[in-house]
C-alpha atoms as a PDB file:
ATOM      1  CA  MET A   1      -7.459   3.732  19.482  1.00  0.00           C
ATOM      2  CA  GLN A   2      -8.338   3.791  15.796  1.00  0.00           C
ATOM      3  CA  SER A   3      -6.678   5.881  13.120  1.00  0.00           C
ATOM      4  CA  ILE A   4      -8.814   4.695  10.212  1.00  0.00           C
ATOM      5  CA  GLN A   5     -12.325   3.314   9.987  1.00  0.00           C
ATOM      6  CA  SER A   6     -12.852   0.616   7.385  1.00  0.00           C
ATOM      7  CA  THR A   7     -16.388   0.263   6.046  1.00  0.00           C
ATOM      8  CA  ALA A   8     -17.210  -1.296   2.699  1.00  0.00           C
ATOM      9  CA  LEU A   9     -19.434   0.782   0.410  1.00  0.00           C
ATOM     10  CA  GLU A  10     -19.780  -1.482  -2.605  1.00  0.00           C
ATOM     11  CA  PRO A  11     -23.440  -1.898  -3.621  1.00  0.00           C
ATOM     12  CA  THR A  12     -25.195  -5.058  -2.504  1.00  0.00           C
ATOM     13  CA  ARG A  13     -27.518  -7.149  -4.633  1.00  0.00           C
ATOM     14  CA  ALA A  14     -30.474  -5.880  -2.629  1.00  0.00           C
ATOM     15  CA  GLU A  15     -29.504  -2.274  -3.392  1.00  0.00           C
ATOM     16  CA  MET A  16     -29.125  -3.015  -7.115  1.00  0.00           C
ATOM     17  CA  LYS A  17     -32.429  -4.862  -7.372  1.00  0.00           C
ATOM     18  CA  GLY A  18     -35.154  -2.890  -9.087  1.00  0.00           C
ATOM     19  CA  LEU A  19     -32.832  -0.158 -10.425  1.00  0.00           C
ATOM     20  CA  SER A  20     -32.854   0.825 -14.062  1.00  0.00           C
ATOM     21  CA  ARG A  21     -29.765   0.273 -16.222  1.00  0.00           C
ATOM     22  CA  THR A  22     -28.833   3.949 -15.952  1.00  0.00           C
ATOM     23  CA  GLU A  23     -29.266   3.911 -12.186  1.00  0.00           C
ATOM     24  CA  LYS A  24     -27.115   0.777 -11.957  1.00  0.00           C
ATOM     25  CA  TRP A  25     -24.353   2.453 -13.974  1.00  0.00           C
ATOM     26  CA  LEU A  26     -24.507   5.504 -11.696  1.00  0.00           C
ATOM     27  CA  ARG A  27     -24.398   3.286  -8.611  1.00  0.00           C
ATOM     28  CA  LEU A  28     -21.402   1.363  -9.959  1.00  0.00           C
ATOM     29  CA  THR A  29     -19.460   4.468 -11.028  1.00  0.00           C
ATOM     30  CA  PRO A  30     -17.823   4.982  -7.593  1.00  0.00           C
ATOM     31  CA  VAL A  31     -16.865   1.296  -7.630  1.00  0.00           C
ATOM     32  CA  TYR A  32     -15.120   1.164 -11.013  1.00  0.00           C
ATOM     33  CA  GLY A  33     -14.609   4.861 -11.724  1.00  0.00           C
ATOM     34  CA  LEU A  34     -10.879   4.733 -10.974  1.00  0.00           C
ATOM     35  CA  VAL A  35     -10.458   1.677 -13.193  1.00  0.00           C
ATOM     36  CA  ILE A  36     -12.173   3.495 -16.065  1.00  0.00           C
ATOM     37  CA  LEU A  37     -10.074   6.609 -15.419  1.00  0.00           C
ATOM     38  CA  THR A  38      -6.891   4.518 -15.538  1.00  0.00           C
ATOM     39  CA  ALA A  39      -7.891   3.046 -18.906  1.00  0.00           C
ATOM     40  CA  LEU A  40      -8.724   6.512 -20.242  1.00  0.00           C
ATOM     41  CA  LEU A  41      -5.375   7.883 -19.069  1.00  0.00           C
ATOM     42  CA  ILE A  42      -3.514   5.058 -20.813  1.00  0.00           C
ATOM     43  CA  LEU A  43      -5.496   5.705 -24.012  1.00  0.00           C
ATOM     44  CA  PHE A  44      -4.959   9.466 -23.744  1.00  0.00           C
ATOM     45  CA  PHE A  45      -1.186   9.290 -23.333  1.00  0.00           C
ATOM     46  CA  SER A  46      -0.914   6.554 -25.974  1.00  0.00           C
ATOM     47  CA  LEU A  47      -2.640   8.775 -28.531  1.00  0.00           C
ATOM     48  CA  LEU A  48      -0.682  11.846 -27.464  1.00  0.00           C
ATOM     49  CA  LEU A  49       2.701  10.085 -27.278  1.00  0.00           C
ATOM     50  CA  PRO A  50       2.435   7.185 -29.749  1.00  0.00           C
ATOM     51  CA  ASP A  51       6.209   6.794 -30.146  1.00  0.00           C
ATOM     52  CA  THR A  52       7.152   6.616 -26.463  1.00  0.00           C
ATOM     53  CA  PHE A  53       4.210   5.785 -24.204  1.00  0.00           C
ATOM     54  CA  PRO A  54       2.596   2.582 -25.625  1.00  0.00           C
ATOM     55  CA  THR A  55       5.944   0.764 -25.817  1.00  0.00           C
ATOM     56  CA  VAL A  56       7.546  -2.197 -24.078  1.00  0.00           C
ATOM     57  CA  LEU A  57      10.418   0.059 -23.027  1.00  0.00           C
ATOM     58  CA  ASN A  58       8.015   2.376 -21.191  1.00  0.00           C
ATOM     59  CA  LEU A  59       6.283  -0.597 -19.573  1.00  0.00           C
ATOM     60  CA  ARG A  60       9.629  -1.911 -18.352  1.00  0.00           C
ATOM     61  CA  SER A  61      10.483   1.510 -16.948  1.00  0.00           C
ATOM     62  CA  ILE A  62       7.164   1.797 -15.111  1.00  0.00           C
ATOM     63  CA  ILE A  63       7.468  -1.677 -13.585  1.00  0.00           C
ATOM     64  CA  ALA A  64      11.089  -1.121 -12.566  1.00  0.00           C
ATOM     65  CA  ASN A  65      10.378   2.276 -11.007  1.00  0.00           C
ATOM     66  CA  LYS A  66       7.087   1.535  -9.251  1.00  0.00           C
ATOM     67  CA  THR A  67       7.643  -1.968  -7.857  1.00  0.00           C
ATOM     68  CA  ILE A  68       8.936  -0.669  -4.513  1.00  0.00           C
ATOM     69  CA  ILE A  69       5.948   1.659  -4.185  1.00  0.00           C
ATOM     70  CA  ALA A  70       3.546  -1.186  -5.045  1.00  0.00           C
ATOM     71  CA  ILE A  71       5.003  -3.464  -2.356  1.00  0.00           C
ATOM     72  CA  LEU A  72       4.968  -0.673   0.228  1.00  0.00           C
ATOM     73  CA  SER A  73       1.340   0.125  -0.693  1.00  0.00           C
ATOM     74  CA  LEU A  74       0.413  -3.510  -0.084  1.00  0.00           C
ATOM     75  CA  ALA A  75       2.305  -3.336   3.214  1.00  0.00           C
ATOM     76  CA  ALA A  76       0.437  -0.172   4.232  1.00  0.00           C
ATOM     77  CA  MET A  77      -3.002  -1.572   3.395  1.00  0.00           C
ATOM     78  CA  ILE A  78      -2.740  -4.517   5.809  1.00  0.00           C
ATOM     79  CA  PRO A  79      -2.879  -2.401   8.997  1.00  0.00           C
ATOM     80  CA  MET A  80      -5.367  -0.108   7.218  1.00  0.00           C
ATOM     81  CA  ALA A  81      -7.704  -3.072   6.778  1.00  0.00           C
ATOM     82  CA  ALA A  82      -7.607  -3.440  10.569  1.00  0.00           C
ATOM     83  CA  GLY A  83      -8.296   0.262  11.040  1.00  0.00           C
ATOM     84  CA  ARG A  84      -4.709   1.271  11.792  1.00  0.00           C
ATOM     85  CA  ILE A  85      -1.940   3.037   9.896  1.00  0.00           C
ATOM     86  CA  ASP A  86       1.752   2.176   9.627  1.00  0.00           C
ATOM     87  CA  LEU A  87       4.140   5.031   8.825  1.00  0.00           C
ATOM     88  CA  THR A  88       7.155   2.859   9.606  1.00  0.00           C
ATOM     89  CA  ILE A  89       7.158   1.490   6.059  1.00  0.00           C
ATOM     90  CA  GLY A  90       8.657   4.699   4.697  1.00  0.00           C
ATOM     91  CA  TYR A  91      11.332   4.977   7.381  1.00  0.00           C
ATOM     92  CA  GLY A  92      12.090   1.271   7.647  1.00  0.00           C
ATOM     93  CA  ILE A  93      13.006   0.888   3.991  1.00  0.00           C
ATOM     94  CA  VAL A  94      15.886   3.326   4.605  1.00  0.00           C
ATOM     95  CA  LEU A  95      17.489   1.047   7.194  1.00  0.00           C
ATOM     96  CA  TRP A  96      16.525  -2.233   5.532  1.00  0.00           C
ATOM     97  CA  HIS A  97      18.193  -1.485   2.197  1.00  0.00           C
ATOM     98  CA  ILE A  98      21.322  -0.262   4.004  1.00  0.00           C
ATOM     99  CA  LEU A  99      21.516  -3.385   6.179  1.00  0.00           C
ATOM    100  CA  ALA A 100      20.951  -5.686   3.195  1.00  0.00           C
ATOM    101  CA  ILE A 101      24.221  -4.332   1.806  1.00  0.00           C
ATOM    102  CA  SER A 102      26.270  -3.647   4.942  1.00  0.00           C
ATOM    103  CA  LEU A 103      25.669  -7.131   6.394  1.00  0.00           C
ATOM    104  CA  GLN A 104      27.375  -8.507   3.293  1.00  0.00           C
ATOM    105  CA  THR A 105      30.143  -5.930   2.840  1.00  0.00           C
ATOM    106  CA  MET A 106      31.029  -5.295   6.499  1.00  0.00           C
ATOM    107  CA  LEU A 107      30.326  -8.679   8.124  1.00  0.00           C
ATOM    108  CA  GLY A 108      30.873 -10.884   5.096  1.00  0.00           C
ATOM    109  CA  LEU A 109      27.567 -12.728   5.472  1.00  0.00           C
ATOM    110  CA  PRO A 110      26.196 -14.700   2.506  1.00  0.00           C
ATOM    111  CA  TRP A 111      23.437 -12.758   0.771  1.00  0.00           C
ATOM    112  CA  PRO A 112      20.620 -15.234   1.660  1.00  0.00           C
ATOM    113  CA  VAL A 113      21.555 -14.916   5.349  1.00  0.00           C
ATOM    114  CA  ALA A 114      21.665 -11.128   5.101  1.00  0.00           C
ATOM    115  CA  VAL A 115      18.236 -11.102   3.457  1.00  0.00           C
ATOM    116  CA  LEU A 116      16.744 -13.360   6.143  1.00  0.00           C
ATOM    117  CA  ILE A 117      18.149 -11.132   8.902  1.00  0.00           C
ATOM    118  CA  VAL A 118      16.627  -8.039   7.291  1.00  0.00           C
ATOM    119  CA  LEU A 119      13.244  -9.759   6.933  1.00  0.00           C
ATOM    120  CA  ALA A 120      13.384 -10.872  10.577  1.00  0.00           C
ATOM    121  CA  LEU A 121      14.208  -7.332  11.710  1.00  0.00           C
ATOM    122  CA  GLY A 122      11.293  -6.017   9.645  1.00  0.00           C
ATOM    123  CA  ALA A 123       8.930  -8.490  11.314  1.00  0.00           C
ATOM    124  CA  LEU A 124      10.348  -7.586  14.741  1.00  0.00           C
ATOM    125  CA  THR A 125       9.713  -3.891  14.062  1.00  0.00           C
ATOM    126  CA  GLY A 126       6.143  -4.744  13.118  1.00  0.00           C
ATOM    127  CA  LEU A 127       5.787  -6.671  16.373  1.00  0.00           C
ATOM    128  CA  LEU A 128       7.037  -3.625  18.297  1.00  0.00           C
ATOM    129  CA  ASN A 129       4.514  -1.396  16.529  1.00  0.00           C
ATOM    130  CA  GLY A 130       1.719  -3.838  17.278  1.00  0.00           C
ATOM    131  CA  VAL A 131       2.624  -3.946  20.971  1.00  0.00           C
ATOM    132  CA  LEU A 132       2.780  -0.152  21.176  1.00  0.00           C
ATOM    133  CA  VAL A 133      -0.634   0.178  19.547  1.00  0.00           C
ATOM    134  CA  GLU A 134      -2.502  -2.710  21.173  1.00  0.00           C
ATOM    135  CA  VAL A 135      -0.805  -3.119  24.551  1.00  0.00           C
ATOM    136  CA  ALA A 136       0.418   0.413  25.298  1.00  0.00           C
ATOM    137  CA  LYS A 137      -2.736   1.821  23.612  1.00  0.00           C
ATOM    138  CA  ILE A 138      -0.863   4.488  21.638  1.00  0.00           C
ATOM    139  CA  ASP A 139      -2.575   5.756  18.494  1.00  0.00           C
ATOM    140  CA  SER A 140      -1.075   3.967  15.501  1.00  0.00           C
ATOM    141  CA  PHE A 141      -0.185   7.203  13.719  1.00  0.00           C
ATOM    142  CA  ILE A 142       1.859   8.452  16.688  1.00  0.00           C
ATOM    143  CA  ALA A 143       3.362   5.052  17.546  1.00  0.00           C
ATOM    144  CA  THR A 144       4.584   4.252  14.038  1.00  0.00           C
ATOM    145  CA  LEU A 145       5.811   7.801  13.482  1.00  0.00           C
ATOM    146  CA  GLY A 146       7.914   7.500  16.634  1.00  0.00           C
ATOM    147  CA  THR A 147       9.215   4.058  15.729  1.00  0.00           C
ATOM    148  CA  GLY A 148       9.988   5.180  12.196  1.00  0.00           C
ATOM    149  CA  THR A 149      11.916   8.211  13.401  1.00  0.00           C
ATOM    150  CA  VAL A 150      14.046   6.004  15.660  1.00  0.00           C
ATOM    151  CA  ILE A 151      14.712   3.611  12.769  1.00  0.00           C
ATOM    152  CA  TYR A 152      15.748   6.499  10.543  1.00  0.00           C
ATOM    153  CA  ALA A 153      18.106   7.746  13.262  1.00  0.00           C
ATOM    154  CA  LEU A 154      19.641   4.264  13.458  1.00  0.00           C
ATOM    155  CA  ALA A 155      20.190   4.331   9.702  1.00  0.00           C
ATOM    156  CA  LEU A 156      21.990   7.677   9.978  1.00  0.00           C
ATOM    157  CA  TRP A 157      24.106   6.374  12.856  1.00  0.00           C
ATOM    158  CA  HIS A 158      24.964   3.142  11.057  1.00  0.00           C
ATOM    159  CA  THR A 159      26.119   4.883   7.879  1.00  0.00           C
ATOM    160  CA  GLY A 160      27.709   7.888   9.553  1.00  0.00           C
ATOM    161  CA  GLY A 161      26.404   9.929   6.641  1.00  0.00           C
ATOM    162  CA  ARG A 162      28.390   7.842   4.151  1.00  0.00           C
ATOM    163  CA  GLN A 163      27.350   5.472   1.388  1.00  0.00           C
ATOM    164  CA  MET A 164      27.571   1.722   1.872  1.00  0.00           C
ATOM    165  CA  ILE A 165      29.454   0.440  -1.172  1.00  0.00           C
ATOM    166  CA  GLY A 166      30.981  -2.924  -1.988  1.00  0.00           C
ATOM    167  CA  VAL A 167      31.085  -5.773  -4.471  1.00  0.00           C
ATOM    168  CA  LEU A 168      27.999  -7.937  -3.980  1.00  0.00           C
ATOM    169  CA  PRO A 169      27.213 -11.435  -5.301  1.00  0.00           C
ATOM    170  CA  GLN A 170      25.474 -11.785  -8.647  1.00  0.00           C
ATOM    171  CA  GLY A 171      22.728 -13.765  -6.937  1.00  0.00           C
ATOM    172  CA  PHE A 172      21.825 -10.694  -4.902  1.00  0.00           C
ATOM    173  CA  TYR A 173      21.804  -8.462  -7.990  1.00  0.00           C
ATOM    174  CA  ALA A 174      19.563 -11.002  -9.734  1.00  0.00           C
ATOM    175  CA  LEU A 175      16.793 -10.447  -7.155  1.00  0.00           C
ATOM    176  CA  ASN A 176      15.951  -7.213  -8.948  1.00  0.00           C
ATOM    177  CA  GLY A 177      17.821  -7.444 -12.241  1.00  0.00           C
ATOM    178  CA  THR A 178      16.356 -10.632 -13.729  1.00  0.00           C
ATOM    179  CA  MET A 179      13.989 -10.323 -16.695  1.00  0.00           C
ATOM    180  CA  VAL A 180      10.959 -12.600 -17.185  1.00  0.00           C
ATOM    181  CA  PHE A 181       9.235 -12.554 -20.587  1.00  0.00           C
ATOM    182  CA  GLY A 182      11.105  -9.348 -21.344  1.00  0.00           C
ATOM    183  CA  LEU A 183       9.865  -7.588 -18.198  1.00  0.00           C
ATOM    184  CA  PRO A 184      11.510  -7.017 -14.799  1.00  0.00           C
ATOM    185  CA  ILE A 185      11.001  -9.922 -12.404  1.00  0.00           C
ATOM    186  CA  THR A 186       9.918  -7.449  -9.714  1.00  0.00           C
ATOM    187  CA  GLY A 187       6.579  -7.135 -11.492  1.00  0.00           C
ATOM    188  CA  LEU A 188       6.096 -10.871 -10.956  1.00  0.00           C
ATOM    189  CA  TYR A 189       6.896 -10.438  -7.260  1.00  0.00           C
ATOM    190  CA  VAL A 190       4.155  -7.826  -6.943  1.00  0.00           C
ATOM    191  CA  LEU A 191       1.629  -9.991  -8.798  1.00  0.00           C
ATOM    192  CA  VAL A 192       2.336 -13.023  -6.582  1.00  0.00           C
ATOM    193  CA  LEU A 193       2.108 -10.936  -3.390  1.00  0.00           C
ATOM    194  CA  ALA A 194      -1.140  -9.345  -4.583  1.00  0.00           C
ATOM    195  CA  VAL A 195      -2.759 -12.704  -5.382  1.00  0.00           C
ATOM    196  CA  ILE A 196      -1.732 -14.192  -2.024  1.00  0.00           C
ATOM    197  CA  MET A 197      -3.029 -11.170  -0.100  1.00  0.00           C
ATOM    198  CA  TRP A 198      -6.261 -11.122  -2.123  1.00  0.00           C
ATOM    199  CA  VAL A 199      -6.961 -14.789  -1.344  1.00  0.00           C
ATOM    200  CA  VAL A 200      -6.153 -14.348   2.359  1.00  0.00           C
ATOM    201  CA  LEU A 201      -8.165 -11.154   2.835  1.00  0.00           C
ATOM    202  CA  GLU A 202     -11.188 -12.090   0.741  1.00  0.00           C
ATOM    203  CA  TYR A 203     -11.547 -15.869   1.124  1.00  0.00           C
ATOM    204  CA  THR A 204     -10.203 -16.853   4.531  1.00  0.00           C
ATOM    205  CA  PRO A 205     -11.404 -16.270   8.103  1.00  0.00           C
ATOM    206  CA  ILE A 206      -8.232 -14.232   8.729  1.00  0.00           C
ATOM    207  CA  GLY A 207      -9.283 -11.658   6.151  1.00  0.00           C
ATOM    208  CA  ARG A 208     -12.856 -11.500   7.409  1.00  0.00           C
ATOM    209  CA  TYR A 209     -11.641 -11.011  10.970  1.00  0.00           C
ATOM    210  CA  VAL A 210      -9.229  -8.232   9.946  1.00  0.00           C
ATOM    211  CA  TYR A 211     -11.947  -6.373   8.038  1.00  0.00           C
ATOM    212  CA  ALA A 212     -14.374  -6.848  10.932  1.00  0.00           C
ATOM    213  CA  ILE A 213     -11.821  -5.305  13.295  1.00  0.00           C
ATOM    214  CA  GLY A 214     -11.330  -2.385  10.929  1.00  0.00           C
ATOM    215  CA  ALA A 215     -15.075  -1.784  10.702  1.00  0.00           C
ATOM    216  CA  ASN A 216     -15.824  -2.006  14.436  1.00  0.00           C
ATOM    217  CA  PRO A 217     -13.203  -3.385  16.846  1.00  0.00           C
ATOM    218  CA  LYS A 218     -15.597  -3.421  19.818  1.00  0.00           C
ATOM    219  CA  ALA A 219     -18.187  -5.445  17.941  1.00  0.00           C
ATOM    220  CA  ALA A 220     -15.445  -7.770  16.688  1.00  0.00           C
ATOM    221  CA  ALA A 221     -14.227  -8.357  20.233  1.00  0.00           C
ATOM    222  CA  LEU A 222     -17.782  -9.048  21.435  1.00  0.00           C
ATOM    223  CA  ASN A 223     -18.075 -11.674  18.690  1.00  0.00           C
ATOM    224  CA  GLY A 224     -15.024 -13.508  20.001  1.00  0.00           C
ATOM    225  CA  ILE A 225     -12.416 -12.218  17.556  1.00  0.00           C
ATOM    226  CA  PRO A 226      -8.992 -11.812  19.236  1.00  0.00           C
ATOM    227  CA  VAL A 227      -8.520  -8.189  18.180  1.00  0.00           C
ATOM    228  CA  ARG A 228      -5.101  -7.716  19.758  1.00  0.00           C
ATOM    229  CA  ARG A 229      -3.628 -10.798  18.111  1.00  0.00           C
ATOM    230  CA  PHE A 230      -4.833  -9.897  14.619  1.00  0.00           C
ATOM    231  CA  VAL A 231      -3.798  -6.251  14.824  1.00  0.00           C
ATOM    232  CA  ILE A 232      -0.306  -7.207  15.976  1.00  0.00           C
ATOM    233  CA  GLY A 233      -0.185  -9.776  13.173  1.00  0.00           C
ATOM    234  CA  ALA A 234      -1.161  -7.073  10.662  1.00  0.00           C
ATOM    235  CA  PHE A 235       1.757  -4.906  11.793  1.00  0.00           C
ATOM    236  CA  ILE A 236       4.152  -7.868  11.601  1.00  0.00           C
ATOM    237  CA  ALA A 237       3.038  -8.565   8.024  1.00  0.00           C
ATOM    238  CA  SER A 238       3.430  -4.896   7.144  1.00  0.00           C
ATOM    239  CA  GLY A 239       6.924  -4.741   8.637  1.00  0.00           C
ATOM    240  CA  THR A 240       7.988  -7.892   6.782  1.00  0.00           C
ATOM    241  CA  LEU A 241       6.758  -6.564   3.435  1.00  0.00           C
ATOM    242  CA  SER A 242       8.563  -3.267   3.982  1.00  0.00           C
ATOM    243  CA  ALA A 243      11.752  -5.288   4.580  1.00  0.00           C
ATOM    244  CA  VAL A 244      11.131  -7.134   1.290  1.00  0.00           C
ATOM    245  CA  ALA A 245      10.903  -3.757  -0.437  1.00  0.00           C
ATOM    246  CA  GLY A 246      14.154  -2.715   1.254  1.00  0.00           C
ATOM    247  CA  VAL A 247      15.984  -5.803  -0.016  1.00  0.00           C
ATOM    248  CA  LEU A 248      14.771  -5.209  -3.578  1.00  0.00           C
ATOM    249  CA  LEU A 249      15.769  -1.549  -3.347  1.00  0.00           C
ATOM    250  CA  ALA A 250      19.266  -2.572  -2.244  1.00  0.00           C
ATOM    251  CA  SER A 251      19.523  -5.017  -5.137  1.00  0.00           C
ATOM    252  CA  LYS A 252      18.430  -2.271  -7.523  1.00  0.00           C
ATOM    253  CA  LEU A 253      20.645   0.576  -6.250  1.00  0.00           C
ATOM    254  CA  ARG A 254      23.644  -1.596  -5.267  1.00  0.00           C
ATOM    255  CA  ILE A 255      24.589   1.051  -2.689  1.00  0.00           C
ATOM    256  CA  GLY A 256      23.075   1.983   0.651  1.00  0.00           C
ATOM    257  CA  GLN A 257      22.516   5.557   1.746  1.00  0.00           C
ATOM    258  CA  ALA A 258      20.270   7.172   4.344  1.00  0.00           C
ATOM    259  CA  SER A 259      19.084   9.842   1.920  1.00  0.00           C
ATOM    260  CA  VAL A 260      17.141   7.233  -0.082  1.00  0.00           C
ATOM    261  CA  GLY A 261      13.829   5.732   0.986  1.00  0.00           C
ATOM    262  CA  LEU A 262      11.688   8.391   2.618  1.00  0.00           C
ATOM    263  CA  GLU A 263      10.420   9.573  -0.768  1.00  0.00           C
ATOM    264  CA  TYR A 264       8.528   6.267  -1.092  1.00  0.00           C
ATOM    265  CA  LEU A 265       6.280   6.888   1.922  1.00  0.00           C
ATOM    266  CA  LEU A 266       3.800   9.347   0.382  1.00  0.00           C
ATOM    267  CA  PRO A 267       3.280   7.454  -2.919  1.00  0.00           C
ATOM    268  CA  ALA A 268       2.783   4.206  -0.972  1.00  0.00           C
ATOM    269  CA  LEU A 269       0.132   5.783   1.242  1.00  0.00           C
ATOM    270  CA  VAL A 270      -1.492   7.439  -1.777  1.00  0.00           C
ATOM    271  CA  GLY A 271      -1.724   4.053  -3.507  1.00  0.00           C
ATOM    272  CA  ALA A 272      -3.338   2.452  -0.454  1.00  0.00           C
ATOM    273  CA  PHE A 273      -5.773   5.335   0.077  1.00  0.00           C
ATOM    274  CA  LEU A 274      -6.692   5.354  -3.620  1.00  0.00           C
ATOM    275  CA  GLY A 275      -7.320   1.640  -3.307  1.00  0.00           C
ATOM    276  CA  SER A 276     -10.045   2.368  -0.776  1.00  0.00           C
ATOM    277  CA  THR A 277     -11.967   4.401  -3.378  1.00  0.00           C
ATOM    278  CA  THR A 278     -12.345   1.707  -6.026  1.00  0.00           C
ATOM    279  CA  ILE A 279     -13.416  -1.950  -6.461  1.00  0.00           C
ATOM    280  CA  LYS A 280     -14.692  -1.931  -2.853  1.00  0.00           C
ATOM    281  CA  PRO A 281     -15.108   1.790  -2.049  1.00  0.00           C
ATOM    282  CA  GLY A 282     -14.696   2.642   1.616  1.00  0.00           C
ATOM    283  CA  ARG A 283     -12.552  -0.422   2.306  1.00  0.00           C
ATOM    284  CA  VAL A 284      -8.892  -0.915   1.464  1.00  0.00           C
ATOM    285  CA  ASN A 285      -8.512  -3.860  -0.879  1.00  0.00           C
ATOM    286  CA  VAL A 286      -5.722  -5.466  -2.881  1.00  0.00           C
ATOM    287  CA  TRP A 287      -6.858  -4.831  -6.447  1.00  0.00           C
ATOM    288  CA  GLY A 288      -7.994  -1.326  -5.594  1.00  0.00           C
ATOM    289  CA  THR A 289      -4.502  -0.673  -4.230  1.00  0.00           C
ATOM    290  CA  MET A 290      -2.964  -2.034  -7.421  1.00  0.00           C
ATOM    291  CA  ILE A 291      -5.187   0.262  -9.492  1.00  0.00           C
ATOM    292  CA  GLY A 292      -4.125   3.158  -7.255  1.00  0.00           C
ATOM    293  CA  VAL A 293      -0.446   2.439  -7.884  1.00  0.00           C
ATOM    294  CA  ILE A 294      -1.034   1.982 -11.628  1.00  0.00           C
ATOM    295  CA  ILE A 295      -2.852   5.291 -12.034  1.00  0.00           C
ATOM    296  CA  LEU A 296      -0.011   7.058 -10.210  1.00  0.00           C
ATOM    297  CA  ALA A 297       2.571   5.362 -12.419  1.00  0.00           C
ATOM    298  CA  VAL A 298       0.677   6.066 -15.649  1.00  0.00           C
ATOM    299  CA  GLY A 299      -0.097   9.676 -14.754  1.00  0.00           C
ATOM    300  CA  ILE A 300       3.454  10.530 -13.697  1.00  0.00           C
ATOM    301  CA  ALA A 301       5.071   8.713 -16.646  1.00  0.00           C
ATOM    302  CA  GLY A 302       2.793  10.472 -19.123  1.00  0.00           C
ATOM    303  CA  ILE A 303       3.296  13.931 -17.627  1.00  0.00           C
ATOM    304  CA  GLN A 304       7.066  13.496 -17.487  1.00  0.00           C
ATOM    305  CA  GLN A 305       7.178  12.403 -21.130  1.00  0.00           C
ATOM    306  CA  LEU A 306       5.239  15.555 -21.980  1.00  0.00           C
ATOM    307  CA  GLY A 307       8.066  17.550 -20.434  1.00  0.00           C
ATOM    308  CA  GLY A 308       6.874  17.938 -16.840  1.00  0.00           C
ATOM    309  CA  SER A 309       9.398  19.377 -14.388  1.00  0.00           C
ATOM    310  CA  PHE A 310      11.074  17.547 -11.493  1.00  0.00           C
ATOM    311  CA  TYR A 311       8.430  18.696  -9.018  1.00  0.00           C
ATOM    312  CA  VAL A 312       5.592  17.067 -10.991  1.00  0.00           C
ATOM    313  CA  GLU A 313       5.769  13.709  -9.189  1.00  0.00           C
ATOM    314  CA  PRO A 314       5.373  14.944  -5.567  1.00  0.00           C
ATOM    315  CA  LEU A 315       2.761  17.465  -6.720  1.00  0.00           C
ATOM    316  CA  PHE A 316       0.787  14.755  -8.532  1.00  0.00           C
ATOM    317  CA  ASN A 317       1.032  12.423  -5.519  1.00  0.00           C
ATOM    318  CA  GLY A 318      -0.154  15.087  -3.077  1.00  0.00           C
ATOM    319  CA  VAL A 319      -3.061  16.273  -5.201  1.00  0.00           C
ATOM    320  CA  THR A 320      -4.123  12.686  -5.907  1.00  0.00           C
ATOM    321  CA  LEU A 321      -4.077  11.894  -2.179  1.00  0.00           C
ATOM    322  CA  LEU A 322      -6.351  14.860  -1.431  1.00  0.00           C
ATOM    323  CA  ILE A 323      -8.720  13.821  -4.220  1.00  0.00           C
ATOM    324  CA  ALA A 324      -8.756  10.214  -2.942  1.00  0.00           C
ATOM    325  CA  ILE A 325      -9.618  11.322   0.594  1.00  0.00           C
ATOM    326  CA  GLY A 326     -12.341  13.603  -0.779  1.00  0.00           C
ATOM    327  CA  ILE A 327     -13.872  10.811  -2.873  1.00  0.00           C
ATOM    328  CA  ALA A 328     -13.792   8.417   0.088  1.00  0.00           C
ATOM    329  CA  GLY A 329     -15.484  10.980   2.328  1.00  0.00           C
ATOM    330  CA  TYR A 330     -18.156  11.708  -0.272  1.00  0.00           C
ATOM    331  CA  ALA A 331     -18.849   8.006  -0.795  1.00  0.00           C
ATOM    332  CA  GLN A 332     -19.137   7.529   2.970  1.00  0.00           C
ATOM    333  CA  ARG A 333     -21.692  10.352   3.289  1.00  0.00           C
ATOM    334  CA  ARG A 334     -23.601   9.144   0.226  1.00  0.00           C
ATOM    335  CA  ARG A 335     -23.879   5.642   1.636  1.00  0.00           C
ATOM    336  CA  GLY A 336     -25.024   7.052   4.987  1.00  0.00           C
ATOM    337  CA  LEU A 337     -27.815   8.991   3.264  1.00  0.00           C
ATOM    338  CA  ASN A 338     -28.881   5.921   1.287  1.00  0.00           C
ATOM    339  CA  VAL A 339     -29.004   3.804   4.449  1.00  0.00           C
ATOM    340  CA  ALA A 340     -30.993   6.482   6.269  1.00  0.00           C
ATOM    341  CA  LYS A 341     -33.511   6.686   3.410  1.00  0.00           C
ATOM    342  CA  ALA A 342     -33.864   2.903   3.331  1.00  0.00           C
ATOM    343  CA  LYS A 343     -34.829   2.682   7.015  1.00  0.00           C
ATOM    344  CA  PRO A 344     -38.551   2.456   7.641  1.00  0.00           C
ATOM    345  CA  PRO A 345     -40.014   5.382   9.563  1.00  0.00           C
ATOM    346  CA  GLN A 346     -40.388   4.903  13.324  1.00  0.00           C
ATOM    347  CA  THR A 347     -43.993   4.833  14.554  1.00  0.00           C
ATOM    348  CA  GLY A 348     -44.947   5.183  18.162  1.00  0.00           C
ATOM    349  CA  LYS A 349     -47.389   2.850  19.880  1.00  0.00           C
ATOM    350  CA  THR A 350     -50.691   4.226  21.061  1.00  0.00           C
ATOM    351  CA  GLU A 351     -52.641   2.802  23.901  1.00  0.00           C
END
């Protein structure tokens, strides 16, 4: 079963050939519209809040607060590229950040060992999701929702409703607390992950196979692509990245509690869905996802500095998600009309 269809809508050279400059700009607007909007938002808030918004302090705050969401958005987009969805990322981070702490405080494990165990458990959860979707043939939305709910229950059971607190090694704190060139090191983590994923998805056979599966799994299978193997691999990668986010969250908070983590699910999905409306509209892509996360971060930071209430962030995320889905649907219909117009008329043969 498929939860998401992935079809690229970026204009081809053939489509751009022969168009006037104005027509080219109009054709490219859906491709780079979100990028332009992001730049305009930054300019708008910088002019409106010159003392607080265009500052290094604000940039540090945005990077520190949105790194987890950025990593989870990258995790979510991998199964999306294969036409599936992974809701486990929002539930898994609850358990992963708790385990990253409790394995050290309760079992006395060295922090590198604790981190490796958490990453392995994240990959194992992804493997379970992949098996449920590809072998048991359960829709990815239902399968990952069920798995995520079980993981969240395990987190509640493990903590007993209490916080996991203890003195942790400085090396573990440094995973999130180190500064590079005056900015949080977590921003560097996101950049490195984004570059690696971009190279893999855009310039290797693995990426082409994953996108082919997302566009049409039956056609991909007929062309010899091992659909099951790549979809399961996509879930494993997603689970591992969500575990990375959990470790960084633990290093940031320095305590583990089951009430923290679920609030990251919606913004992560919004970032991934927004990513499918820009750079390569109609297809989830790395830099589109990064732009999606940035526009969320900029918009929320600016509104909060203007005095927005506590409910502004979830409201902004929800409205932005609806707008992103609407834009994607419109682009899909527009491309369908263009393709239909481009087809030569059918003529019947006469004897």
